Amino acid sequence: MNDIVQSIFRNATGLALFALVTVGAVAVTFTGTQQRIQDNVLAAQSRALNDIVPIEQHDNSLLNDTIRLTELRNVQRLGPIESDAVAYQARWQGNTHTVILPVVAPNGYTTAIRLLVGINQQGEIVGVRVVEHKETPGLGDKIDLRKSDWVLDFNQKTRHDPSEKGWAVKKDGGEFDQFTGATITPRAVVAAVYQALLFFDEHQDMLLGRITATGETPHEQ
């Protein structure tokens, strides 16, 4: 009987140790995977930032020169962005000439679409890049510059050019092309980019460093 008890005890101990090691391995793998995902997202974001404002057009670090957004009014225009979301400032000799806004189009065909929208001090779009999406391959994924040049149609557009009505896909009476067999995706992106322009228009003085969050000009003490 004692041999049976000891055998059961040994087996139970072995199973417990196996479970502990397995859980630990899964936890380590999960943590490592999450870190890799975050690193990949950060790398993609860095590439997109420098794609919108090429390195020869700014003399600062885009990733580190930022403004926190979530405390600003009407931030919901940018979609369901994270609580620590920031705008990126492109500077030359200390002067901000372009702001890059993180934007989320929540109503993509499959999931939310994450974008970066660059707007210069004249209120013109200098670039739009998709940094994360899961749209249908061969259809909705044409929002990705690696698949088509569709996003380049936003370049030099402003809040008023085209008109508000023009900020839609052609199927809805606007000026932007939709994709054959996929209208939902471009419709979501066009709407999100227009909302980014509205947000920029409301906060451009602060986003461009003309005033601080307290309403003072930067040189004021």
C-alpha atoms as a PDB file:
ATOM      1  CA  MET A   1       0.000   0.000   0.000  1.00  0.00           C
ATOM      2  CA  ASN A   2       2.833   2.389   0.859  1.00  0.00           C
ATOM      3  CA  ASP A   3       4.396   1.715  -2.539  1.00  0.00           C
ATOM      4  CA  ILE A   4       1.116   2.633  -4.221  1.00  0.00           C
ATOM      5  CA  VAL A   5       0.812   5.857  -2.213  1.00  0.00           C
ATOM      6  CA  GLN A   6       4.409   6.781  -2.977  1.00  0.00           C
ATOM      7  CA  SER A   7       3.855   6.069  -6.660  1.00  0.00           C
ATOM      8  CA  ILE A   8       0.752   8.253  -6.723  1.00  0.00           C
ATOM      9  CA  PHE A   9       2.632  10.992  -4.896  1.00  0.00           C
ATOM     10  CA  ARG A  10       5.551  10.812  -7.331  1.00  0.00           C
ATOM     11  CA  ASN A  11       3.210  10.939 -10.311  1.00  0.00           C
ATOM     12  CA  ALA A  12       1.267  13.852  -8.878  1.00  0.00           C
ATOM     13  CA  THR A  13       4.479  15.725  -8.114  1.00  0.00           C
ATOM     14  CA  GLY A  14       5.754  15.069 -11.625  1.00  0.00           C
ATOM     15  CA  LEU A  15       2.523  16.299 -13.155  1.00  0.00           C
ATOM     16  CA  ALA A  16       2.571  19.410 -10.975  1.00  0.00           C
ATOM     17  CA  LEU A  17       6.155  20.190 -11.974  1.00  0.00           C
ATOM     18  CA  PHE A  18       5.324  19.570 -15.629  1.00  0.00           C
ATOM     19  CA  ALA A  19       2.333  21.905 -15.414  1.00  0.00           C
ATOM     20  CA  LEU A  20       4.430  24.564 -13.679  1.00  0.00           C
ATOM     21  CA  VAL A  21       7.165  24.359 -16.318  1.00  0.00           C
ATOM     22  CA  THR A  22       4.588  24.422 -19.126  1.00  0.00           C
ATOM     23  CA  VAL A  23       2.807  27.460 -17.722  1.00  0.00           C
ATOM     24  CA  GLY A  24       6.132  29.220 -17.274  1.00  0.00           C
ATOM     25  CA  ALA A  25       7.193  28.426 -20.827  1.00  0.00           C
ATOM     26  CA  VAL A  26       3.876  29.667 -22.215  1.00  0.00           C
ATOM     27  CA  ALA A  27       4.150  32.859 -20.181  1.00  0.00           C
ATOM     28  CA  VAL A  28       7.692  33.499 -21.410  1.00  0.00           C
ATOM     29  CA  THR A  29       6.671  32.776 -25.001  1.00  0.00           C
ATOM     30  CA  PHE A  30       3.627  35.065 -24.711  1.00  0.00           C
ATOM     31  CA  THR A  31       5.701  37.890 -23.223  1.00  0.00           C
ATOM     32  CA  GLY A  32       8.342  37.500 -25.904  1.00  0.00           C
ATOM     33  CA  THR A  33       5.721  37.399 -28.644  1.00  0.00           C
ATOM     34  CA  GLN A  34       3.974  40.500 -27.308  1.00  0.00           C
ATOM     35  CA  GLN A  35       7.295  42.333 -27.187  1.00  0.00           C
ATOM     36  CA  ARG A  36       8.075  41.328 -30.761  1.00  0.00           C
ATOM     37  CA  ILE A  37       4.649  42.521 -31.881  1.00  0.00           C
ATOM     38  CA  GLN A  38       5.169  45.861 -30.127  1.00  0.00           C
ATOM     39  CA  ASP A  39       8.640  46.179 -31.630  1.00  0.00           C
ATOM     40  CA  ASN A  40       7.281  45.419 -35.098  1.00  0.00           C
ATOM     41  CA  VAL A  41       4.486  47.973 -34.719  1.00  0.00           C
ATOM     42  CA  LEU A  42       6.990  50.584 -33.507  1.00  0.00           C
ATOM     43  CA  ALA A  43       9.316  49.836 -36.425  1.00  0.00           C
ATOM     44  CA  ALA A  44       6.441  50.101 -38.907  1.00  0.00           C
ATOM     45  CA  GLN A  45       5.358  53.359 -37.323  1.00  0.00           C
ATOM     46  CA  SER A  46       8.883  54.763 -37.499  1.00  0.00           C
ATOM     47  CA  ARG A  47       9.134  53.848 -41.180  1.00  0.00           C
ATOM     48  CA  ALA A  48       5.751  55.417 -41.889  1.00  0.00           C
ATOM     49  CA  LEU A  49       6.673  58.637 -40.072  1.00  0.00           C
ATOM     50  CA  ASN A  50       9.844  59.024 -42.089  1.00  0.00           C
ATOM     51  CA  ASP A  51       7.968  58.091 -45.232  1.00  0.00           C
ATOM     52  CA  ILE A  52       5.501  60.928 -44.659  1.00  0.00           C
ATOM     53  CA  VAL A  53       8.229  63.420 -43.750  1.00  0.00           C
ATOM     54  CA  PRO A  54      11.543  62.213 -45.229  1.00  0.00           C
ATOM     55  CA  ILE A  55      14.581  62.439 -43.003  1.00  0.00           C
ATOM     56  CA  GLU A  56      16.114  65.254 -45.059  1.00  0.00           C
ATOM     57  CA  GLN A  57      13.067  67.409 -44.297  1.00  0.00           C
ATOM     58  CA  HIS A  58      13.371  67.363 -40.512  1.00  0.00           C
ATOM     59  CA  ASP A  59      16.231  67.663 -38.049  1.00  0.00           C
ATOM     60  CA  ASN A  60      14.527  66.204 -34.996  1.00  0.00           C
ATOM     61  CA  SER A  61      13.458  62.734 -33.826  1.00  0.00           C
ATOM     62  CA  LEU A  62       9.863  62.247 -34.906  1.00  0.00           C
ATOM     63  CA  LEU A  63       9.249  59.444 -32.424  1.00  0.00           C
ATOM     64  CA  ASN A  64      10.426  61.557 -29.485  1.00  0.00           C
ATOM     65  CA  ASP A  65       9.052  65.006 -30.372  1.00  0.00           C
ATOM     66  CA  THR A  66       5.405  64.556 -29.506  1.00  0.00           C
ATOM     67  CA  ILE A  67       2.251  66.130 -28.087  1.00  0.00           C
ATOM     68  CA  ARG A  68      -0.216  64.142 -26.009  1.00  0.00           C
ATOM     69  CA  LEU A  69      -3.639  64.234 -27.622  1.00  0.00           C
ATOM     70  CA  THR A  70      -6.249  62.695 -25.375  1.00  0.00           C
ATOM     71  CA  GLU A  71      -6.743  65.783 -23.226  1.00  0.00           C
ATOM     72  CA  LEU A  72      -7.703  67.933 -26.225  1.00  0.00           C
ATOM     73  CA  ARG A  73     -11.317  68.621 -27.077  1.00  0.00           C
ATOM     74  CA  ASN A  74     -12.962  66.674 -29.884  1.00  0.00           C
ATOM     75  CA  VAL A  75     -10.176  64.099 -29.815  1.00  0.00           C
ATOM     76  CA  GLN A  76     -12.845  61.571 -30.776  1.00  0.00           C
ATOM     77  CA  ARG A  77     -12.463  62.887 -34.303  1.00  0.00           C
ATOM     78  CA  LEU A  78      -9.319  60.772 -34.479  1.00  0.00           C
ATOM     79  CA  GLY A  79     -11.271  57.614 -33.671  1.00  0.00           C
ATOM     80  CA  PRO A  80     -10.754  55.232 -30.734  1.00  0.00           C
ATOM     81  CA  ILE A  81      -7.077  56.050 -30.219  1.00  0.00           C
ATOM     82  CA  GLU A  82      -5.174  54.884 -27.159  1.00  0.00           C
ATOM     83  CA  SER A  83      -5.165  56.943 -23.955  1.00  0.00           C
ATOM     84  CA  ASP A  84      -1.471  57.692 -24.423  1.00  0.00           C
ATOM     85  CA  ALA A  85      -1.736  58.594 -28.113  1.00  0.00           C
ATOM     86  CA  VAL A  86       0.492  61.413 -29.325  1.00  0.00           C
ATOM     87  CA  ALA A  87       0.952  63.637 -32.362  1.00  0.00           C
ATOM     88  CA  TYR A  88       4.408  63.709 -33.913  1.00  0.00           C
ATOM     89  CA  GLN A  89       6.036  67.035 -34.773  1.00  0.00           C
ATOM     90  CA  ALA A  90       8.430  67.427 -37.696  1.00  0.00           C
ATOM     91  CA  ARG A  91      10.754  70.371 -37.096  1.00  0.00           C
ATOM     92  CA  TRP A  92      13.443  72.213 -38.982  1.00  0.00           C
ATOM     93  CA  GLN A  93      15.746  74.453 -36.970  1.00  0.00           C
ATOM     94  CA  GLY A  94      13.282  74.410 -34.090  1.00  0.00           C
ATOM     95  CA  ASN A  95      10.185  75.314 -36.086  1.00  0.00           C
ATOM     96  CA  THR A  96       7.375  72.790 -36.468  1.00  0.00           C
ATOM     97  CA  HIS A  97       6.307  72.599 -40.102  1.00  0.00           C
ATOM     98  CA  THR A  98       4.325  69.340 -40.110  1.00  0.00           C
ATOM     99  CA  VAL A  99       2.261  67.366 -37.619  1.00  0.00           C
ATOM    100  CA  ILE A 100       1.569  63.666 -37.998  1.00  0.00           C
ATOM    101  CA  LEU A 101      -1.615  62.487 -36.322  1.00  0.00           C
ATOM    102  CA  PRO A 102      -2.496  58.920 -35.326  1.00  0.00           C
ATOM    103  CA  VAL A 103      -5.949  58.112 -36.644  1.00  0.00           C
ATOM    104  CA  VAL A 104      -8.156  55.055 -36.263  1.00  0.00           C
ATOM    105  CA  ALA A 105     -10.917  54.318 -38.753  1.00  0.00           C
ATOM    106  CA  PRO A 106     -13.155  52.088 -36.617  1.00  0.00           C
ATOM    107  CA  ASN A 107     -15.440  50.953 -39.419  1.00  0.00           C
ATOM    108  CA  GLY A 108     -13.159  49.040 -41.751  1.00  0.00           C
ATOM    109  CA  TYR A 109     -14.562  45.970 -43.465  1.00  0.00           C
ATOM    110  CA  THR A 110     -12.932  43.561 -41.010  1.00  0.00           C
ATOM    111  CA  THR A 111     -11.475  45.533 -38.096  1.00  0.00           C
ATOM    112  CA  ALA A 112     -10.307  49.027 -37.272  1.00  0.00           C
ATOM    113  CA  ILE A 113      -7.734  50.561 -39.608  1.00  0.00           C
ATOM    114  CA  ARG A 114      -4.813  52.459 -38.066  1.00  0.00           C
ATOM    115  CA  LEU A 115      -3.401  55.385 -39.994  1.00  0.00           C
ATOM    116  CA  LEU A 116      -0.908  58.192 -39.757  1.00  0.00           C
ATOM    117  CA  VAL A 117      -1.943  61.482 -41.355  1.00  0.00           C
ATOM    118  CA  GLY A 118       0.671  64.174 -41.959  1.00  0.00           C
ATOM    119  CA  ILE A 119      -0.541  67.777 -42.251  1.00  0.00           C
ATOM    120  CA  ASN A 120       1.725  70.761 -42.849  1.00  0.00           C
ATOM    121  CA  GLN A 121       1.414  74.297 -41.500  1.00  0.00           C
ATOM    122  CA  GLN A 122      -0.639  75.338 -44.536  1.00  0.00           C
ATOM    123  CA  GLY A 123      -3.214  72.683 -43.663  1.00  0.00           C
ATOM    124  CA  GLU A 124      -2.262  70.464 -46.595  1.00  0.00           C
ATOM    125  CA  ILE A 125      -1.921  66.718 -46.317  1.00  0.00           C
ATOM    126  CA  VAL A 126       1.666  65.691 -46.999  1.00  0.00           C
ATOM    127  CA  GLY A 127       1.040  61.990 -46.611  1.00  0.00           C
ATOM    128  CA  VAL A 128      -1.272  59.273 -45.351  1.00  0.00           C
ATOM    129  CA  ARG A 129       0.015  55.834 -44.449  1.00  0.00           C
ATOM    130  CA  VAL A 130      -1.759  52.746 -43.142  1.00  0.00           C
ATOM    131  CA  VAL A 131       0.213  51.204 -40.291  1.00  0.00           C
ATOM    132  CA  GLU A 132      -2.152  48.385 -39.312  1.00  0.00           C
ATOM    133  CA  HIS A 133      -5.116  46.720 -40.998  1.00  0.00           C
ATOM    134  CA  LYS A 134      -6.688  43.342 -41.694  1.00  0.00           C
ATOM    135  CA  GLU A 135      -8.637  44.205 -44.811  1.00  0.00           C
ATOM    136  CA  THR A 136      -9.360  41.607 -47.474  1.00  0.00           C
ATOM    137  CA  PRO A 137      -6.286  40.682 -49.559  1.00  0.00           C
ATOM    138  CA  GLY A 138      -6.679  41.731 -53.179  1.00  0.00           C
ATOM    139  CA  LEU A 139      -9.588  44.036 -52.345  1.00  0.00           C
ATOM    140  CA  GLY A 140      -9.525  46.265 -49.278  1.00  0.00           C
ATOM    141  CA  ASP A 141      -5.783  45.935 -48.769  1.00  0.00           C
ATOM    142  CA  LYS A 142      -5.239  48.427 -51.617  1.00  0.00           C
ATOM    143  CA  ILE A 143      -5.205  51.104 -48.915  1.00  0.00           C
ATOM    144  CA  ASP A 144      -1.677  49.844 -48.209  1.00  0.00           C
ATOM    145  CA  LEU A 145       0.929  51.686 -50.291  1.00  0.00           C
ATOM    146  CA  ARG A 146       2.704  48.376 -50.854  1.00  0.00           C
ATOM    147  CA  LYS A 147      -0.385  47.180 -52.733  1.00  0.00           C
ATOM    148  CA  SER A 148      -1.420  50.324 -54.622  1.00  0.00           C
ATOM    149  CA  ASP A 149      -0.810  54.064 -54.739  1.00  0.00           C
ATOM    150  CA  TRP A 150      -4.389  54.894 -53.722  1.00  0.00           C
ATOM    151  CA  VAL A 151      -3.383  56.713 -50.508  1.00  0.00           C
ATOM    152  CA  LEU A 152      -1.260  59.127 -52.531  1.00  0.00           C
ATOM    153  CA  ASP A 153      -4.487  60.738 -53.750  1.00  0.00           C
ATOM    154  CA  PHE A 154      -4.724  62.447 -50.349  1.00  0.00           C
ATOM    155  CA  ASN A 155      -1.520  64.420 -50.930  1.00  0.00           C
ATOM    156  CA  GLN A 156      -2.038  68.215 -51.040  1.00  0.00           C
ATOM    157  CA  LYS A 157      -5.697  67.884 -50.134  1.00  0.00           C
ATOM    158  CA  THR A 158      -7.033  70.250 -47.454  1.00  0.00           C
ATOM    159  CA  ARG A 159     -10.137  70.604 -45.345  1.00  0.00           C
ATOM    160  CA  HIS A 160     -11.734  72.785 -48.039  1.00  0.00           C
ATOM    161  CA  ASP A 161     -10.228  71.178 -51.143  1.00  0.00           C
ATOM    162  CA  PRO A 162     -12.184  69.181 -52.002  1.00  0.00           C
ATOM    163  CA  SER A 163     -15.374  70.508 -50.453  1.00  0.00           C
ATOM    164  CA  GLU A 164     -17.006  68.683 -47.577  1.00  0.00           C
ATOM    165  CA  LYS A 165     -19.204  66.806 -50.056  1.00  0.00           C
ATOM    166  CA  GLY A 166     -16.120  65.846 -52.033  1.00  0.00           C
ATOM    167  CA  TRP A 167     -14.608  64.102 -49.002  1.00  0.00           C
ATOM    168  CA  ALA A 168     -16.257  60.806 -49.893  1.00  0.00           C
ATOM    169  CA  VAL A 169     -15.804  57.988 -52.381  1.00  0.00           C
ATOM    170  CA  LYS A 170     -17.252  58.486 -55.840  1.00  0.00           C
ATOM    171  CA  LYS A 171     -20.050  56.014 -55.159  1.00  0.00           C
ATOM    172  CA  ASP A 172     -21.241  58.435 -52.454  1.00  0.00           C
ATOM    173  CA  GLY A 173     -20.828  61.526 -54.638  1.00  0.00           C
ATOM    174  CA  GLY A 174     -17.283  62.344 -53.571  1.00  0.00           C
ATOM    175  CA  GLU A 175     -13.944  62.637 -55.353  1.00  0.00           C
ATOM    176  CA  PHE A 176     -12.082  59.553 -54.134  1.00  0.00           C
ATOM    177  CA  ASP A 177     -11.963  56.247 -55.967  1.00  0.00           C
ATOM    178  CA  GLN A 178     -13.412  53.167 -54.371  1.00  0.00           C
ATOM    179  CA  PHE A 179     -12.077  49.695 -55.095  1.00  0.00           C
ATOM    180  CA  THR A 180     -13.820  47.205 -57.329  1.00  0.00           C
ATOM    181  CA  GLY A 181     -15.726  44.926 -54.995  1.00  0.00           C
ATOM    182  CA  ALA A 182     -14.647  46.858 -51.906  1.00  0.00           C
ATOM    183  CA  THR A 183     -16.220  50.191 -51.047  1.00  0.00           C
ATOM    184  CA  ILE A 184     -16.399  49.946 -47.264  1.00  0.00           C
ATOM    185  CA  THR A 185     -12.642  50.116 -46.732  1.00  0.00           C
ATOM    186  CA  PRO A 186     -11.860  53.270 -48.761  1.00  0.00           C
ATOM    187  CA  ARG A 187     -15.025  54.910 -47.449  1.00  0.00           C
ATOM    188  CA  ALA A 188     -13.792  54.389 -43.875  1.00  0.00           C
ATOM    189  CA  VAL A 189     -10.320  55.751 -44.643  1.00  0.00           C
ATOM    190  CA  VAL A 190     -11.587  58.847 -46.492  1.00  0.00           C
ATOM    191  CA  ALA A 191     -13.914  59.703 -43.607  1.00  0.00           C
ATOM    192  CA  ALA A 192     -11.133  59.209 -41.038  1.00  0.00           C
ATOM    193  CA  VAL A 193      -8.668  61.412 -42.940  1.00  0.00           C
ATOM    194  CA  TYR A 194     -11.239  64.194 -43.229  1.00  0.00           C
ATOM    195  CA  GLN A 195     -11.890  64.053 -39.492  1.00  0.00           C
ATOM    196  CA  ALA A 196      -8.139  64.359 -38.920  1.00  0.00           C
ATOM    197  CA  LEU A 197      -8.167  67.569 -40.962  1.00  0.00           C
ATOM    198  CA  LEU A 198     -11.017  68.927 -38.856  1.00  0.00           C
ATOM    199  CA  PHE A 199      -9.120  68.086 -35.673  1.00  0.00           C
ATOM    200  CA  PHE A 200      -5.967  69.750 -37.001  1.00  0.00           C
ATOM    201  CA  ASP A 201      -7.940  72.870 -37.909  1.00  0.00           C
ATOM    202  CA  GLU A 202      -9.308  73.095 -34.360  1.00  0.00           C
ATOM    203  CA  HIS A 203      -5.898  72.696 -32.691  1.00  0.00           C
ATOM    204  CA  GLN A 204      -3.342  73.784 -35.256  1.00  0.00           C
ATOM    205  CA  ASP A 205      -1.807  76.553 -33.122  1.00  0.00           C
ATOM    206  CA  MET A 206      -0.935  74.110 -30.363  1.00  0.00           C
ATOM    207  CA  LEU A 207      -0.006  71.251 -32.687  1.00  0.00           C
ATOM    208  CA  LEU A 208       2.378  73.536 -34.554  1.00  0.00           C
ATOM    209  CA  GLY A 209       3.859  74.929 -31.351  1.00  0.00           C
ATOM    210  CA  ARG A 210       2.433  78.425 -31.738  1.00  0.00           C
ATOM    211  CA  ILE A 211       0.815  78.219 -28.319  1.00  0.00           C
ATOM    212  CA  THR A 212       1.159  75.894 -25.326  1.00  0.00           C
ATOM    213  CA  ALA A 213      -1.553  73.853 -23.649  1.00  0.00           C
ATOM    214  CA  THR A 214      -2.159  76.812 -21.322  1.00  0.00           C
ATOM    215  CA  GLY A 215      -2.725  79.198 -24.215  1.00  0.00           C
ATOM    216  CA  GLU A 216       0.621  80.970 -23.932  1.00  0.00           C
ATOM    217  CA  THR A 217       3.028  81.528 -26.786  1.00  0.00           C
ATOM    218  CA  PRO A 218       6.197  79.445 -26.377  1.00  0.00           C
ATOM    219  CA  HIS A 219       8.421  82.398 -25.488  1.00  0.00           C
ATOM    220  CA  GLU A 220       6.149  83.570 -22.670  1.00  0.00           C
ATOM    221  CA  GLN A 221       7.141  82.702 -19.109  1.00  0.00           C
END
